[in-house]
């Protein structure tokens, strides 16, 4: 079933929307959630929360690209679940490591009510990533969007782990300079 038909099912409030979404995007959403949470039960729970959030947001929202829309929801839900779990047990892992790596580029001390500045900063980061050479861009996204480990990125791209680590470090330095130039 195509995306527009699935979205139509959500708008019609048909329960078939959930099963069709699961059939088309279930494994994609599971991969996102599992990479963050490293726990099958938590990943499944995150996917169910994704379906619930999608159900509640359609209507009024009609996503242009359903896969991206669902992926963003899953990532947000899984990261929230991860943060709650880490607040309880304060452990390590790839997600924490990736977030710590980016902490030098942008502080998390901004006022929550200041959504306009956050949106401008997000747009600035998007334009920065879009301007990176393709391989650096893909590696940056794998690490900081999909939260892949350095080892899995090196295997995926055929680079050594030290090369991937160096590429990520250079990209973070460039990002920090880019954000400083734009006064973030």
N, C-alpha and C. Protein backbone atom coordinates (compact mmCIF):
# COMPACT_ATOMS: atom_id res chain seq x y z
N UNK A 1 0.84 -1.17 0.00
CA UNK A 1 0.00 0.00 0.00
C UNK A 1 0.90 1.24 0.00
N UNK A 2 0.50 2.28 -0.75
CA UNK A 2 1.35 3.47 -0.82
C UNK A 2 1.07 4.42 0.35
N UNK A 3 2.00 5.36 0.52
CA UNK A 3 1.94 6.26 1.68
C UNK A 3 0.67 7.10 1.71
N UNK A 4 0.26 7.64 0.57
CA UNK A 4 -0.93 8.50 0.58
C UNK A 4 -2.17 7.73 1.00
N UNK A 5 -2.26 6.46 0.62
CA UNK A 5 -3.40 5.63 1.03
C UNK A 5 -3.36 5.37 2.54
N UNK A 6 -2.15 5.13 3.07
CA UNK A 6 -2.03 4.90 4.51
C UNK A 6 -2.42 6.17 5.28
N UNK A 7 -1.96 7.32 4.80
CA UNK A 7 -2.32 8.58 5.45
C UNK A 7 -3.83 8.79 5.37
N UNK A 8 -4.42 8.46 4.23
CA UNK A 8 -5.88 8.56 4.10
C UNK A 8 -6.59 7.69 5.15
N UNK A 9 -6.05 6.50 5.40
CA UNK A 9 -6.63 5.62 6.41
C UNK A 9 -6.56 6.25 7.80
N UNK A 10 -5.43 6.90 8.10
CA UNK A 10 -5.33 7.62 9.38
C UNK A 10 -6.39 8.71 9.46
N UNK A 11 -6.55 9.45 8.37
CA UNK A 11 -7.53 10.55 8.36
C UNK A 11 -8.95 10.02 8.48
N UNK A 12 -9.20 8.82 7.97
CA UNK A 12 -10.53 8.21 8.06
C UNK A 12 -10.74 7.54 9.42
N UNK A 13 -9.68 7.55 10.25
CA UNK A 13 -9.69 6.91 11.58
C UNK A 13 -9.92 5.41 11.47
N UNK A 14 -9.39 4.81 10.43
CA UNK A 14 -9.50 3.38 10.23
C UNK A 14 -8.35 2.67 10.95
N UNK A 15 -8.70 1.65 11.73
CA UNK A 15 -7.67 0.89 12.44
C UNK A 15 -6.74 0.16 11.48
N UNK A 16 -7.17 0.01 10.24
CA UNK A 16 -6.32 -0.60 9.22
C UNK A 16 -5.06 0.23 9.00
N UNK A 17 -5.11 1.52 9.32
CA UNK A 17 -3.93 2.39 9.16
C UNK A 17 -2.75 1.86 9.95
N UNK A 18 -2.99 1.40 11.16
CA UNK A 18 -1.91 0.90 12.02
C UNK A 18 -1.31 -0.38 11.45
N UNK A 19 -2.15 -1.32 11.05
CA UNK A 19 -1.62 -2.58 10.53
C UNK A 19 -0.89 -2.38 9.21
N UNK A 20 -1.39 -1.48 8.37
CA UNK A 20 -0.70 -1.20 7.10
C UNK A 20 0.63 -0.49 7.35
N UNK A 21 0.63 0.41 8.31
CA UNK A 21 1.88 1.10 8.66
C UNK A 21 2.90 0.10 9.19
N UNK A 22 2.44 -0.81 10.02
CA UNK A 22 3.33 -1.84 10.57
C UNK A 22 3.88 -2.73 9.46
N UNK A 23 3.04 -3.08 8.50
CA UNK A 23 3.48 -3.95 7.42
C UNK A 23 4.53 -3.27 6.54
N UNK A 24 4.34 -1.98 6.30
CA UNK A 24 5.26 -1.27 5.40
C UNK A 24 6.50 -0.77 6.13
N UNK A 25 6.34 -0.23 7.33
CA UNK A 25 7.44 0.45 8.01
C UNK A 25 7.88 -0.17 9.33
N UNK A 26 7.26 -1.26 9.74
CA UNK A 26 7.58 -1.85 11.03
C UNK A 26 9.05 -2.16 11.23
N UNK A 27 9.70 -2.81 10.26
CA UNK A 27 11.11 -3.16 10.45
C UNK A 27 12.00 -1.93 10.43
N UNK A 28 11.68 -0.94 9.61
CA UNK A 28 12.43 0.32 9.57
C UNK A 28 12.36 1.02 10.93
N UNK A 29 11.18 1.10 11.50
CA UNK A 29 11.00 1.75 12.80
C UNK A 29 11.67 0.95 13.91
N UNK A 30 11.62 -0.36 13.82
CA UNK A 30 12.27 -1.20 14.82
C UNK A 30 13.78 -0.95 14.82
N UNK A 31 14.38 -0.86 13.62
CA UNK A 31 15.82 -0.61 13.54
C UNK A 31 16.20 0.70 14.22
N UNK A 32 15.42 1.74 13.99
CA UNK A 32 15.70 3.03 14.62
C UNK A 32 15.63 2.90 16.15
N UNK A 33 14.53 2.34 16.63
CA UNK A 33 14.33 2.22 18.07
C UNK A 33 15.37 1.30 18.71
N UNK A 34 15.68 0.18 18.07
CA UNK A 34 16.60 -0.78 18.66
C UNK A 34 18.02 -0.21 18.73
N UNK A 35 18.43 0.55 17.70
CA UNK A 35 19.76 1.15 17.73
C UNK A 35 19.92 2.09 18.92
N UNK A 36 18.87 2.75 19.28
CA UNK A 36 18.93 3.68 20.40
C UNK A 36 18.82 2.95 21.73
N UNK A 37 17.90 2.02 21.82
CA UNK A 37 17.56 1.40 23.11
C UNK A 37 18.31 0.10 23.40
N UNK A 38 18.73 -0.61 22.36
CA UNK A 38 19.43 -1.89 22.53
C UNK A 38 18.64 -2.88 23.37
N UNK A 39 17.32 -2.84 23.24
CA UNK A 39 16.45 -3.72 23.99
C UNK A 39 15.21 -4.00 23.14
N UNK A 40 14.95 -5.27 22.79
CA UNK A 40 13.82 -5.57 21.90
C UNK A 40 12.46 -5.14 22.46
N UNK A 41 12.25 -5.35 23.74
CA UNK A 41 10.95 -4.99 24.32
C UNK A 41 10.75 -3.47 24.31
N UNK A 42 11.79 -2.73 24.67
CA UNK A 42 11.68 -1.27 24.64
C UNK A 42 11.51 -0.76 23.22
N UNK A 43 12.17 -1.40 22.27
CA UNK A 43 12.03 -1.00 20.87
C UNK A 43 10.60 -1.22 20.40
N UNK A 44 10.03 -2.37 20.74
CA UNK A 44 8.64 -2.66 20.36
C UNK A 44 7.68 -1.66 21.02
N UNK A 45 7.92 -1.35 22.27
CA UNK A 45 7.08 -0.38 22.97
C UNK A 45 7.19 1.00 22.30
N UNK A 46 8.39 1.36 21.88
CA UNK A 46 8.58 2.64 21.18
C UNK A 46 7.82 2.67 19.86
N UNK A 47 7.80 1.55 19.16
CA UNK A 47 7.07 1.49 17.90
C UNK A 47 5.57 1.65 18.16
N UNK A 48 5.07 0.98 19.19
CA UNK A 48 3.65 1.14 19.54
C UNK A 48 3.33 2.58 19.90
N UNK A 49 4.25 3.22 20.63
CA UNK A 49 4.06 4.64 20.95
C UNK A 49 4.10 5.50 19.68
N UNK A 50 4.91 5.10 18.72
CA UNK A 50 4.97 5.82 17.44
C UNK A 50 3.62 5.74 16.74
N UNK A 51 3.05 4.55 16.69
CA UNK A 51 1.73 4.39 16.04
C UNK A 51 0.68 5.25 16.77
N UNK A 52 0.75 5.24 18.10
CA UNK A 52 -0.19 6.04 18.89
C UNK A 52 -0.02 7.54 18.58
N UNK A 53 1.23 8.02 18.56
CA UNK A 53 1.49 9.43 18.27
C UNK A 53 1.06 9.79 16.85
N UNK A 54 1.32 8.88 15.90
CA UNK A 54 0.90 9.14 14.52
C UNK A 54 -0.63 9.21 14.45
N UNK A 55 -1.30 8.32 15.14
CA UNK A 55 -2.77 8.30 15.18
C UNK A 55 -3.31 9.62 15.72
N UNK A 56 -2.67 10.13 16.77
CA UNK A 56 -3.13 11.36 17.40
C UNK A 56 -2.79 12.61 16.59
N UNK A 57 -1.80 12.54 15.73
CA UNK A 57 -1.41 13.73 14.98
C UNK A 57 -2.00 13.80 13.57
N UNK A 58 -2.60 12.71 13.12
CA UNK A 58 -3.28 12.70 11.81
C UNK A 58 -4.75 12.39 12.03
N UNK A 59 -5.69 13.22 11.69
CA UNK A 59 -5.51 14.64 11.39
C UNK A 59 -5.17 15.42 12.66
N UNK A 60 -4.75 16.62 12.58
CA UNK A 60 -4.80 17.57 11.48
C UNK A 60 -3.58 17.51 10.57
N UNK A 61 -2.47 16.92 11.02
CA UNK A 61 -1.25 16.93 10.22
C UNK A 61 -1.34 15.89 9.10
N UNK A 62 -0.90 16.28 7.91
CA UNK A 62 -0.81 15.35 6.78
C UNK A 62 0.65 15.35 6.33
N UNK A 63 1.42 14.34 6.75
CA UNK A 63 2.85 14.34 6.44
C UNK A 63 3.12 14.22 4.94
N UNK A 64 4.13 14.95 4.49
CA UNK A 64 4.51 14.90 3.08
C UNK A 64 5.22 13.58 2.77
N UNK A 65 6.09 13.14 3.70
CA UNK A 65 6.83 11.88 3.53
C UNK A 65 6.58 11.05 4.79
N UNK A 66 5.74 10.05 4.67
CA UNK A 66 5.32 9.26 5.81
C UNK A 66 6.50 8.57 6.50
N UNK A 67 7.43 8.02 5.74
CA UNK A 67 8.57 7.31 6.31
C UNK A 67 9.38 8.24 7.21
N UNK A 68 9.65 9.44 6.76
CA UNK A 68 10.41 10.41 7.54
C UNK A 68 9.63 10.83 8.78
N UNK A 69 8.34 11.08 8.60
CA UNK A 69 7.46 11.46 9.70
C UNK A 69 7.48 10.40 10.80
N UNK A 70 7.30 9.15 10.42
CA UNK A 70 7.29 8.06 11.39
C UNK A 70 8.67 7.86 12.02
N UNK A 71 9.72 7.99 11.21
CA UNK A 71 11.08 7.85 11.72
C UNK A 71 11.41 8.89 12.77
N UNK A 72 10.97 10.13 12.54
CA UNK A 72 11.21 11.19 13.52
C UNK A 72 10.47 10.91 14.83
N UNK A 73 9.24 10.45 14.70
CA UNK A 73 8.48 10.13 15.92
C UNK A 73 9.18 9.00 16.68
N UNK A 74 9.57 7.96 15.98
CA UNK A 74 10.22 6.81 16.62
C UNK A 74 11.51 7.24 17.30
N UNK A 75 12.30 8.04 16.62
CA UNK A 75 13.57 8.51 17.19
C UNK A 75 13.30 9.32 18.46
N UNK A 76 12.34 10.22 18.42
CA UNK A 76 12.01 11.04 19.58
C UNK A 76 11.54 10.17 20.75
N UNK A 77 10.63 9.25 20.45
CA UNK A 77 10.08 8.37 21.50
C UNK A 77 11.19 7.51 22.10
N UNK A 78 12.04 6.94 21.26
CA UNK A 78 13.11 6.08 21.75
C UNK A 78 14.13 6.88 22.56
N UNK A 79 14.47 8.07 22.10
CA UNK A 79 15.41 8.90 22.86
C UNK A 79 14.82 9.30 24.21
N UNK A 80 13.54 9.62 24.24
CA UNK A 80 12.89 9.93 25.52
C UNK A 80 12.95 8.74 26.46
N UNK A 81 12.65 7.57 25.93
CA UNK A 81 12.69 6.35 26.73
C UNK A 81 14.12 6.08 27.21
N UNK A 82 15.09 6.30 26.34
CA UNK A 82 16.49 6.09 26.69
C UNK A 82 16.91 7.06 27.81
N UNK A 83 16.55 8.33 27.67
CA UNK A 83 16.91 9.32 28.69
C UNK A 83 16.30 8.96 30.05
N UNK A 84 15.06 8.51 30.04
CA UNK A 84 14.43 8.10 31.30
C UNK A 84 15.16 6.92 31.91
N UNK A 85 15.52 5.96 31.07
CA UNK A 85 16.23 4.79 31.57
C UNK A 85 17.60 5.17 32.12
N UNK A 86 18.31 6.05 31.44
CA UNK A 86 19.63 6.47 31.87
C UNK A 86 19.55 7.33 33.14
N UNK A 87 18.48 8.07 33.28
CA UNK A 87 18.31 8.85 34.50
C UNK A 87 18.19 7.91 35.69
N UNK A 88 17.65 6.72 35.45
CA UNK A 88 17.49 5.76 36.54
C UNK A 88 18.78 4.99 36.82
N UNK A 89 19.53 4.66 35.78
CA UNK A 89 20.69 3.81 36.05
C UNK A 89 22.03 4.39 35.63
N UNK A 90 22.03 5.54 34.96
CA UNK A 90 23.26 6.24 34.58
C UNK A 90 24.29 5.31 33.96
N UNK A 91 23.96 4.72 32.82
CA UNK A 91 24.88 3.83 32.14
C UNK A 91 25.53 4.50 30.94
N UNK A 92 26.36 3.75 30.23
CA UNK A 92 27.05 4.25 29.05
C UNK A 92 26.31 3.87 27.80
N UNK A 93 27.02 3.51 26.77
CA UNK A 93 26.40 3.08 25.53
C UNK A 93 26.59 4.07 24.40
N UNK A 94 26.23 3.65 23.21
CA UNK A 94 26.45 4.45 22.01
C UNK A 94 25.65 5.74 22.00
N UNK A 95 24.41 5.69 22.43
CA UNK A 95 23.58 6.90 22.39
C UNK A 95 24.20 7.97 23.27
N UNK A 96 24.54 7.61 24.49
CA UNK A 96 25.13 8.57 25.41
C UNK A 96 26.44 9.10 24.85
N UNK A 97 27.26 8.22 24.29
CA UNK A 97 28.53 8.63 23.72
C UNK A 97 28.34 9.60 22.56
N UNK A 98 27.40 9.29 21.67
CA UNK A 98 27.15 10.17 20.52
C UNK A 98 26.65 11.53 20.98
N UNK A 99 25.76 11.55 21.97
CA UNK A 99 25.24 12.82 22.47
C UNK A 99 26.33 13.62 23.17
N UNK A 100 27.21 12.95 23.89
CA UNK A 100 28.32 13.64 24.54
C UNK A 100 29.27 14.24 23.52
N UNK A 101 29.51 13.52 22.41
CA UNK A 101 30.39 14.02 21.37
C UNK A 101 29.88 15.34 20.80
N UNK A 102 28.57 15.46 20.68
CA UNK A 102 27.99 16.69 20.13
C UNK A 102 27.83 17.79 21.16
N UNK A 103 27.98 17.47 22.43
CA UNK A 103 27.73 18.47 23.46
C UNK A 103 28.68 19.65 23.38
N UNK A 104 29.88 19.47 22.84
CA UNK A 104 30.81 20.58 22.70
C UNK A 104 30.35 21.57 21.64
N UNK A 105 29.51 21.13 20.72
CA UNK A 105 29.07 21.99 19.62
C UNK A 105 27.90 22.87 20.02
N UNK A 106 27.03 22.36 20.86
CA UNK A 106 25.84 23.12 21.26
C UNK A 106 25.50 22.78 22.69
N UNK A 107 25.31 23.79 23.48
CA UNK A 107 24.95 23.53 24.87
C UNK A 107 23.47 23.21 24.96
N UNK A 108 23.08 22.52 25.98
CA UNK A 108 21.68 22.20 26.20
C UNK A 108 21.06 23.13 27.23
N UNK A 109 21.64 24.32 27.42
CA UNK A 109 21.18 25.22 28.48
C UNK A 109 20.24 26.29 27.96
N UNK A 110 19.62 26.11 26.80
CA UNK A 110 18.74 27.15 26.28
C UNK A 110 17.36 27.08 26.93
N UNK A 111 16.69 28.18 26.91
CA UNK A 111 15.35 28.29 27.49
C UNK A 111 14.36 27.49 26.65
N UNK A 112 13.61 26.58 27.26
CA UNK A 112 12.66 25.78 26.50
C UNK A 112 11.62 26.61 25.74
N UNK A 113 11.31 27.80 26.24
CA UNK A 113 10.33 28.66 25.57
C UNK A 113 10.89 29.30 24.32
N UNK A 114 12.17 29.17 24.10
CA UNK A 114 12.82 29.85 22.99
C UNK A 114 12.87 28.94 21.76
N UNK A 115 11.72 28.49 21.30
CA UNK A 115 11.66 27.53 20.19
C UNK A 115 12.13 28.12 18.87
N UNK A 116 11.97 29.40 18.69
CA UNK A 116 12.41 30.02 17.44
C UNK A 116 13.92 29.91 17.27
N UNK A 117 14.66 30.18 18.32
CA UNK A 117 16.12 30.06 18.25
C UNK A 117 16.52 28.62 18.01
N UNK A 118 15.86 27.67 18.68
CA UNK A 118 16.17 26.25 18.47
C UNK A 118 15.90 25.86 17.03
N UNK A 119 14.80 26.36 16.46
CA UNK A 119 14.48 26.03 15.08
C UNK A 119 15.51 26.61 14.12
N UNK A 120 15.93 27.84 14.38
CA UNK A 120 16.96 28.46 13.54
C UNK A 120 18.27 27.68 13.63
N UNK A 121 18.59 27.24 14.85
CA UNK A 121 19.81 26.46 15.03
C UNK A 121 19.70 25.12 14.29
N UNK A 122 18.55 24.48 14.37
CA UNK A 122 18.34 23.22 13.66
C UNK A 122 18.48 23.43 12.15
N UNK A 123 17.94 24.54 11.65
CA UNK A 123 18.07 24.85 10.22
C UNK A 123 19.53 25.08 9.85
N UNK A 124 20.26 25.74 10.73
CA UNK A 124 21.68 25.99 10.50
C UNK A 124 22.47 24.68 10.46
N UNK A 125 22.16 23.76 11.37
CA UNK A 125 22.83 22.46 11.39
C UNK A 125 22.49 21.68 10.14
N UNK A 126 21.21 21.72 9.72
CA UNK A 126 20.82 21.03 8.48
C UNK A 126 21.59 21.57 7.29
N UNK A 127 21.74 22.88 7.19
CA UNK A 127 22.47 23.45 6.05
C UNK A 127 23.95 23.09 6.13
N UNK A 128 24.50 23.04 7.36
CA UNK A 128 25.89 22.62 7.53
C UNK A 128 26.08 21.19 7.03
N UNK A 129 25.21 20.29 7.47
CA UNK A 129 25.33 18.88 7.07
C UNK A 129 25.15 18.73 5.56
N UNK A 130 24.22 19.48 4.99
CA UNK A 130 24.00 19.40 3.54
C UNK A 130 25.21 19.87 2.75
N UNK A 131 26.02 20.76 3.34
CA UNK A 131 27.20 21.28 2.65
C UNK A 131 28.43 20.37 2.77
N UNK A 132 28.37 19.38 3.66
CA UNK A 132 29.49 18.44 3.81
C UNK A 132 29.63 17.60 2.55
N UNK A 133 30.86 17.14 2.24
CA UNK A 133 31.02 16.16 1.16
C UNK A 133 30.16 14.92 1.45
N UNK A 134 29.71 14.23 0.42
CA UNK A 134 28.73 13.16 0.59
C UNK A 134 29.14 12.10 1.61
N UNK A 135 30.37 11.62 1.57
CA UNK A 135 30.75 10.56 2.51
C UNK A 135 30.76 11.09 3.95
N UNK A 136 31.25 12.32 4.16
CA UNK A 136 31.23 12.89 5.51
C UNK A 136 29.79 13.11 5.98
N UNK A 137 28.94 13.55 5.06
CA UNK A 137 27.54 13.77 5.37
C UNK A 137 26.88 12.47 5.81
N UNK A 138 27.09 11.40 5.04
CA UNK A 138 26.46 10.13 5.36
C UNK A 138 26.97 9.57 6.69
N UNK A 139 28.27 9.71 6.94
CA UNK A 139 28.85 9.22 8.20
C UNK A 139 28.31 10.04 9.37
N UNK A 140 28.23 11.36 9.21
CA UNK A 140 27.69 12.24 10.26
C UNK A 140 26.26 11.85 10.59
N UNK A 141 25.45 11.62 9.58
CA UNK A 141 24.04 11.24 9.79
C UNK A 141 23.94 9.87 10.45
N UNK A 142 24.75 8.93 9.99
CA UNK A 142 24.74 7.59 10.61
C UNK A 142 25.05 7.68 12.10
N UNK A 143 26.01 8.51 12.46
CA UNK A 143 26.42 8.61 13.86
C UNK A 143 25.44 9.42 14.70
N UNK A 144 25.05 10.59 14.19
CA UNK A 144 24.31 11.51 15.05
C UNK A 144 22.81 11.54 14.80
N UNK A 145 22.33 10.91 13.76
CA UNK A 145 20.88 10.78 13.58
C UNK A 145 20.46 9.36 13.94
N UNK A 146 21.12 8.38 13.28
CA UNK A 146 20.76 6.98 13.53
C UNK A 146 21.49 6.40 14.74
N UNK A 147 22.49 7.13 15.27
CA UNK A 147 23.23 6.74 16.46
C UNK A 147 23.94 5.40 16.29
N UNK A 148 24.45 5.16 15.08
CA UNK A 148 25.22 3.95 14.81
C UNK A 148 26.55 4.03 15.54
N UNK A 149 27.10 2.88 15.89
CA UNK A 149 28.41 2.84 16.52
C UNK A 149 29.49 3.14 15.48
N UNK A 150 30.65 3.58 15.94
CA UNK A 150 31.78 3.84 15.04
C UNK A 150 32.14 2.54 14.32
N UNK A 151 32.10 1.44 15.04
CA UNK A 151 32.43 0.14 14.44
C UNK A 151 31.48 -0.19 13.29
N UNK A 152 30.17 -0.02 13.48
CA UNK A 152 29.24 -0.37 12.41
C UNK A 152 29.37 0.59 11.23
N UNK A 153 29.67 1.85 11.50
CA UNK A 153 29.89 2.81 10.41
C UNK A 153 31.13 2.42 9.61
N UNK A 154 32.20 2.05 10.31
CA UNK A 154 33.43 1.67 9.61
C UNK A 154 33.19 0.44 8.74
N UNK A 155 32.41 -0.51 9.24
CA UNK A 155 32.09 -1.70 8.45
C UNK A 155 31.23 -1.35 7.25
N UNK A 156 30.27 -0.46 7.46
CA UNK A 156 29.35 -0.08 6.39
C UNK A 156 30.06 0.66 5.25
N UNK A 157 31.03 1.52 5.60
CA UNK A 157 31.70 2.33 4.59
C UNK A 157 33.04 1.78 4.15
N UNK A 158 33.51 0.74 4.82
CA UNK A 158 34.79 0.14 4.45
C UNK A 158 35.98 0.96 4.90
N UNK A 159 35.83 1.75 5.95
CA UNK A 159 36.91 2.55 6.52
C UNK A 159 37.35 1.92 7.83
N UNK A 160 38.54 2.30 8.28
CA UNK A 160 38.97 1.85 9.60
C UNK A 160 38.20 2.67 10.64
N UNK A 161 38.13 2.12 11.84
CA UNK A 161 37.46 2.84 12.92
C UNK A 161 38.17 4.16 13.21
N UNK A 162 39.50 4.17 13.12
CA UNK A 162 40.24 5.41 13.40
C UNK A 162 39.94 6.47 12.34
N UNK A 163 39.75 6.06 11.09
CA UNK A 163 39.40 7.03 10.04
C UNK A 163 38.01 7.61 10.30
N UNK A 164 37.05 6.76 10.66
CA UNK A 164 35.70 7.24 10.96
C UNK A 164 35.74 8.20 12.15
N UNK A 165 36.47 7.83 13.20
CA UNK A 165 36.59 8.68 14.38
C UNK A 165 37.19 10.03 14.01
N UNK A 166 38.22 10.02 13.18
CA UNK A 166 38.86 11.27 12.75
C UNK A 166 37.91 12.11 11.90
N UNK A 167 37.16 11.47 11.00
CA UNK A 167 36.20 12.20 10.17
C UNK A 167 35.12 12.85 11.03
N UNK A 168 34.62 12.12 12.02
CA UNK A 168 33.60 12.66 12.91
C UNK A 168 34.16 13.82 13.74
N UNK A 169 35.40 13.68 14.22
CA UNK A 169 36.01 14.75 15.00
C UNK A 169 36.15 16.01 14.15
N UNK A 170 36.64 15.86 12.92
CA UNK A 170 36.77 17.02 12.02
C UNK A 170 35.42 17.65 11.73
N UNK A 171 34.41 16.83 11.52
CA UNK A 171 33.06 17.36 11.26
C UNK A 171 32.53 18.12 12.47
N UNK A 172 32.78 17.61 13.67
CA UNK A 172 32.32 18.32 14.87
C UNK A 172 33.03 19.66 15.04
N UNK A 173 34.34 19.69 14.72
CA UNK A 173 35.08 20.95 14.79
C UNK A 173 34.50 21.95 13.80
N UNK A 174 34.24 21.48 12.57
CA UNK A 174 33.64 22.35 11.55
C UNK A 174 32.26 22.84 12.00
N UNK A 175 31.48 21.93 12.59
CA UNK A 175 30.15 22.31 13.06
C UNK A 175 30.25 23.36 14.17
N UNK A 176 31.16 23.16 15.11
CA UNK A 176 31.33 24.13 16.19
C UNK A 176 31.67 25.51 15.61
N UNK A 177 32.60 25.55 14.66
CA UNK A 177 32.98 26.83 14.03
C UNK A 177 31.80 27.44 13.28
N UNK A 178 31.06 26.60 12.59
CA UNK A 178 29.88 27.06 11.85
C UNK A 178 28.86 27.69 12.80
N UNK A 179 28.60 27.02 13.90
CA UNK A 179 27.62 27.52 14.87
C UNK A 179 28.12 28.78 15.58
N UNK A 180 29.41 28.84 15.87
CA UNK A 180 29.97 30.04 16.48
C UNK A 180 29.87 31.23 15.53
N UNK A 181 30.13 30.97 14.24
CA UNK A 181 30.03 32.03 13.23
C UNK A 181 28.61 32.57 13.14
N UNK A 182 27.65 31.70 13.37
CA UNK A 182 26.24 32.10 13.31
C UNK A 182 25.70 32.52 14.69
N UNK A 183 26.61 32.67 15.65
CA UNK A 183 26.27 33.13 17.01
C UNK A 183 25.36 32.18 17.78
N UNK A 184 25.60 30.88 17.68
CA UNK A 184 24.83 29.92 18.48
C UNK A 184 25.70 29.37 19.57
